[in-house]
């Protein structure tokens, strides 16, 4: 199991909202609450830890982005420019892209 954790750690990254749009359009993005560790969630999904994942779903700690959230991320503009500045921690666990918001500095 530690090999899986090491593999996931290697692919943990950051992404701009713009890069995630195609994945949202194909309904592959899972939003992970800030109180969860992104690597823990990725490891649970990759290893089919159904009880753990089900508990997070029931507590709404992992969800699909809502239309409201997507709208906010799409309209995140700076200085009136159509520049999307929202960033996320990301972890790809096929077929999903797990994302966690990064607070604006």
C-alpha atoms as a PDB file:
ATOM      1  CA  UNK A   1       0.000   0.000   0.000  1.00  0.00           C
ATOM      2  CA  UNK A   2       2.914   2.339   0.613  1.00  0.00           C
ATOM      3  CA  UNK A   3       3.903   1.945  -3.051  1.00  0.00           C
ATOM      4  CA  UNK A   4       0.511   3.335  -4.038  1.00  0.00           C
ATOM      5  CA  UNK A   5       0.966   6.259  -1.650  1.00  0.00           C
ATOM      6  CA  UNK A   6       4.405   6.971  -3.145  1.00  0.00           C
ATOM      7  CA  UNK A   7       2.993   6.849  -6.699  1.00  0.00           C
ATOM      8  CA  UNK A   8       0.187   9.244  -5.776  1.00  0.00           C
ATOM      9  CA  UNK A   9       2.626  11.605  -4.066  1.00  0.00           C
ATOM     10  CA  UNK A  10       4.640  11.733  -7.299  1.00  0.00           C
ATOM     11  CA  UNK A  11       1.631  12.874  -9.339  1.00  0.00           C
ATOM     12  CA  UNK A  12       0.201  15.332  -6.801  1.00  0.00           C
ATOM     13  CA  UNK A  13       0.235  18.701  -8.542  1.00  0.00           C
ATOM     14  CA  UNK A  14      -1.392  22.109  -8.911  1.00  0.00           C
ATOM     15  CA  UNK A  15      -3.585  23.218 -11.785  1.00  0.00           C
ATOM     16  CA  UNK A  16      -5.293  26.368 -12.935  1.00  0.00           C
ATOM     17  CA  UNK A  17      -9.059  26.261 -13.293  1.00  0.00           C
ATOM     18  CA  UNK A  18      -8.701  26.686 -17.058  1.00  0.00           C
ATOM     19  CA  UNK A  19      -6.892  23.327 -17.288  1.00  0.00           C
ATOM     20  CA  UNK A  20      -9.655  21.535 -15.379  1.00  0.00           C
ATOM     21  CA  UNK A  21     -12.577  22.701 -17.530  1.00  0.00           C
ATOM     22  CA  UNK A  22     -12.396  19.781 -20.021  1.00  0.00           C
ATOM     23  CA  UNK A  23     -12.432  17.320 -17.108  1.00  0.00           C
ATOM     24  CA  UNK A  24     -15.451  19.056 -15.546  1.00  0.00           C
ATOM     25  CA  UNK A  25     -17.214  18.872 -18.921  1.00  0.00           C
ATOM     26  CA  UNK A  26     -16.711  15.103 -19.012  1.00  0.00           C
ATOM     27  CA  UNK A  27     -17.948  14.846 -15.390  1.00  0.00           C
ATOM     28  CA  UNK A  28     -14.637  13.492 -14.103  1.00  0.00           C
ATOM     29  CA  UNK A  29     -13.790  16.072 -11.417  1.00  0.00           C
ATOM     30  CA  UNK A  30     -14.303  15.287  -7.755  1.00  0.00           C
ATOM     31  CA  UNK A  31     -14.029  18.171  -5.308  1.00  0.00           C
ATOM     32  CA  UNK A  32     -12.349  17.201  -2.033  1.00  0.00           C
ATOM     33  CA  UNK A  33     -13.112  19.204   1.125  1.00  0.00           C
ATOM     34  CA  UNK A  34     -10.214  21.098   2.673  1.00  0.00           C
ATOM     35  CA  UNK A  35     -10.407  19.105   5.900  1.00  0.00           C
ATOM     36  CA  UNK A  36      -9.461  15.911   4.042  1.00  0.00           C
ATOM     37  CA  UNK A  37      -5.974  14.963   2.906  1.00  0.00           C
ATOM     38  CA  UNK A  38      -5.981  14.728  -0.890  1.00  0.00           C
ATOM     39  CA  UNK A  39      -3.539  11.797  -0.810  1.00  0.00           C
ATOM     40  CA  UNK A  40      -5.751   9.898   1.662  1.00  0.00           C
ATOM     41  CA  UNK A  41      -8.737  10.333  -0.641  1.00  0.00           C
ATOM     42  CA  UNK A  42      -6.770   9.304  -3.712  1.00  0.00           C
ATOM     43  CA  UNK A  43      -5.425   6.236  -1.937  1.00  0.00           C
ATOM     44  CA  UNK A  44      -8.919   5.214  -0.756  1.00  0.00           C
ATOM     45  CA  UNK A  45     -10.384   5.579  -4.261  1.00  0.00           C
ATOM     46  CA  UNK A  46      -7.483   3.805  -5.970  1.00  0.00           C
ATOM     47  CA  UNK A  47      -7.628   0.887  -3.535  1.00  0.00           C
ATOM     48  CA  UNK A  48     -11.456   0.615  -3.667  1.00  0.00           C
ATOM     49  CA  UNK A  49     -11.918   1.429   0.015  1.00  0.00           C
ATOM     50  CA  UNK A  50     -15.683   1.660  -0.435  1.00  0.00           C
ATOM     51  CA  UNK A  51     -16.665   2.176   3.246  1.00  0.00           C
ATOM     52  CA  UNK A  52     -14.285   5.112   3.615  1.00  0.00           C
ATOM     53  CA  UNK A  53     -15.265   6.727   0.306  1.00  0.00           C
ATOM     54  CA  UNK A  54     -18.976   6.168   1.013  1.00  0.00           C
ATOM     55  CA  UNK A  55     -18.620   7.895   4.392  1.00  0.00           C
ATOM     56  CA  UNK A  56     -17.001  10.947   2.747  1.00  0.00           C
ATOM     57  CA  UNK A  57     -19.753  11.055   0.135  1.00  0.00           C
ATOM     58  CA  UNK A  58     -22.471  10.855   2.807  1.00  0.00           C
ATOM     59  CA  UNK A  59     -20.803  13.685   4.759  1.00  0.00           C
ATOM     60  CA  UNK A  60     -20.427  15.654   1.496  1.00  0.00           C
ATOM     61  CA  UNK A  61     -16.672  15.845   1.954  1.00  0.00           C
ATOM     62  CA  UNK A  62     -16.157  14.615  -1.605  1.00  0.00           C
ATOM     63  CA  UNK A  63     -18.615  15.896  -4.192  1.00  0.00           C
ATOM     64  CA  UNK A  64     -18.996  16.799  -7.814  1.00  0.00           C
ATOM     65  CA  UNK A  65     -18.619  20.568  -8.357  1.00  0.00           C
ATOM     66  CA  UNK A  66     -21.994  22.298  -8.368  1.00  0.00           C
ATOM     67  CA  UNK A  67     -23.169  24.537 -11.189  1.00  0.00           C
ATOM     68  CA  UNK A  68     -22.792  27.487  -8.795  1.00  0.00           C
ATOM     69  CA  UNK A  69     -19.164  26.600  -8.023  1.00  0.00           C
ATOM     70  CA  UNK A  70     -18.329  26.137 -11.707  1.00  0.00           C
ATOM     71  CA  UNK A  71     -19.942  29.491 -12.456  1.00  0.00           C
ATOM     72  CA  UNK A  72     -17.901  31.195  -9.748  1.00  0.00           C
ATOM     73  CA  UNK A  73     -14.668  29.619 -10.981  1.00  0.00           C
ATOM     74  CA  UNK A  74     -15.500  30.598 -14.568  1.00  0.00           C
ATOM     75  CA  UNK A  75     -16.159  34.219 -13.611  1.00  0.00           C
ATOM     76  CA  UNK A  76     -13.093  34.575 -11.368  1.00  0.00           C
ATOM     77  CA  UNK A  77     -11.781  37.679 -13.094  1.00  0.00           C
ATOM     78  CA  UNK A  78      -8.957  40.000 -12.230  1.00  0.00           C
ATOM     79  CA  UNK A  79      -9.027  43.689 -13.103  1.00  0.00           C
ATOM     80  CA  UNK A  80     -11.957  43.256 -15.451  1.00  0.00           C
ATOM     81  CA  UNK A  81      -9.958  40.893 -17.629  1.00  0.00           C
ATOM     82  CA  UNK A  82     -11.357  37.501 -18.453  1.00  0.00           C
ATOM     83  CA  UNK A  83      -8.474  35.841 -16.655  1.00  0.00           C
ATOM     84  CA  UNK A  84      -9.343  32.834 -14.558  1.00  0.00           C
ATOM     85  CA  UNK A  85      -6.990  32.785 -11.605  1.00  0.00           C
ATOM     86  CA  UNK A  86      -8.403  30.016  -9.400  1.00  0.00           C
ATOM     87  CA  UNK A  87      -5.892  27.259  -8.594  1.00  0.00           C
ATOM     88  CA  UNK A  88      -6.360  23.758  -7.225  1.00  0.00           C
ATOM     89  CA  UNK A  89      -4.286  20.942  -5.807  1.00  0.00           C
ATOM     90  CA  UNK A  90      -4.899  18.015  -8.167  1.00  0.00           C
ATOM     91  CA  UNK A  91      -4.490  14.274  -8.118  1.00  0.00           C
ATOM     92  CA  UNK A  92      -5.391  12.014 -11.021  1.00  0.00           C
ATOM     93  CA  UNK A  93      -6.883   8.675 -10.024  1.00  0.00           C
ATOM     94  CA  UNK A  94      -8.272   7.298 -13.268  1.00  0.00           C
ATOM     95  CA  UNK A  95     -10.920   7.997 -14.383  1.00  0.00           C
ATOM     96  CA  UNK A  96     -11.190  10.884 -11.916  1.00  0.00           C
ATOM     97  CA  UNK A  97      -9.380  14.131 -11.316  1.00  0.00           C
ATOM     98  CA  UNK A  98      -9.474  14.909  -7.599  1.00  0.00           C
ATOM     99  CA  UNK A  99      -9.238  18.614  -6.854  1.00  0.00           C
ATOM    100  CA  UNK A 100      -8.939  20.707  -3.722  1.00  0.00           C
ATOM    101  CA  UNK A 101      -9.228  24.483  -3.788  1.00  0.00           C
ATOM    102  CA  UNK A 102      -6.172  26.552  -2.962  1.00  0.00           C
ATOM    103  CA  UNK A 103      -7.091  29.661  -0.982  1.00  0.00           C
ATOM    104  CA  UNK A 104      -6.253  32.927  -2.727  1.00  0.00           C
ATOM    105  CA  UNK A 105      -3.133  34.500  -1.308  1.00  0.00           C
END
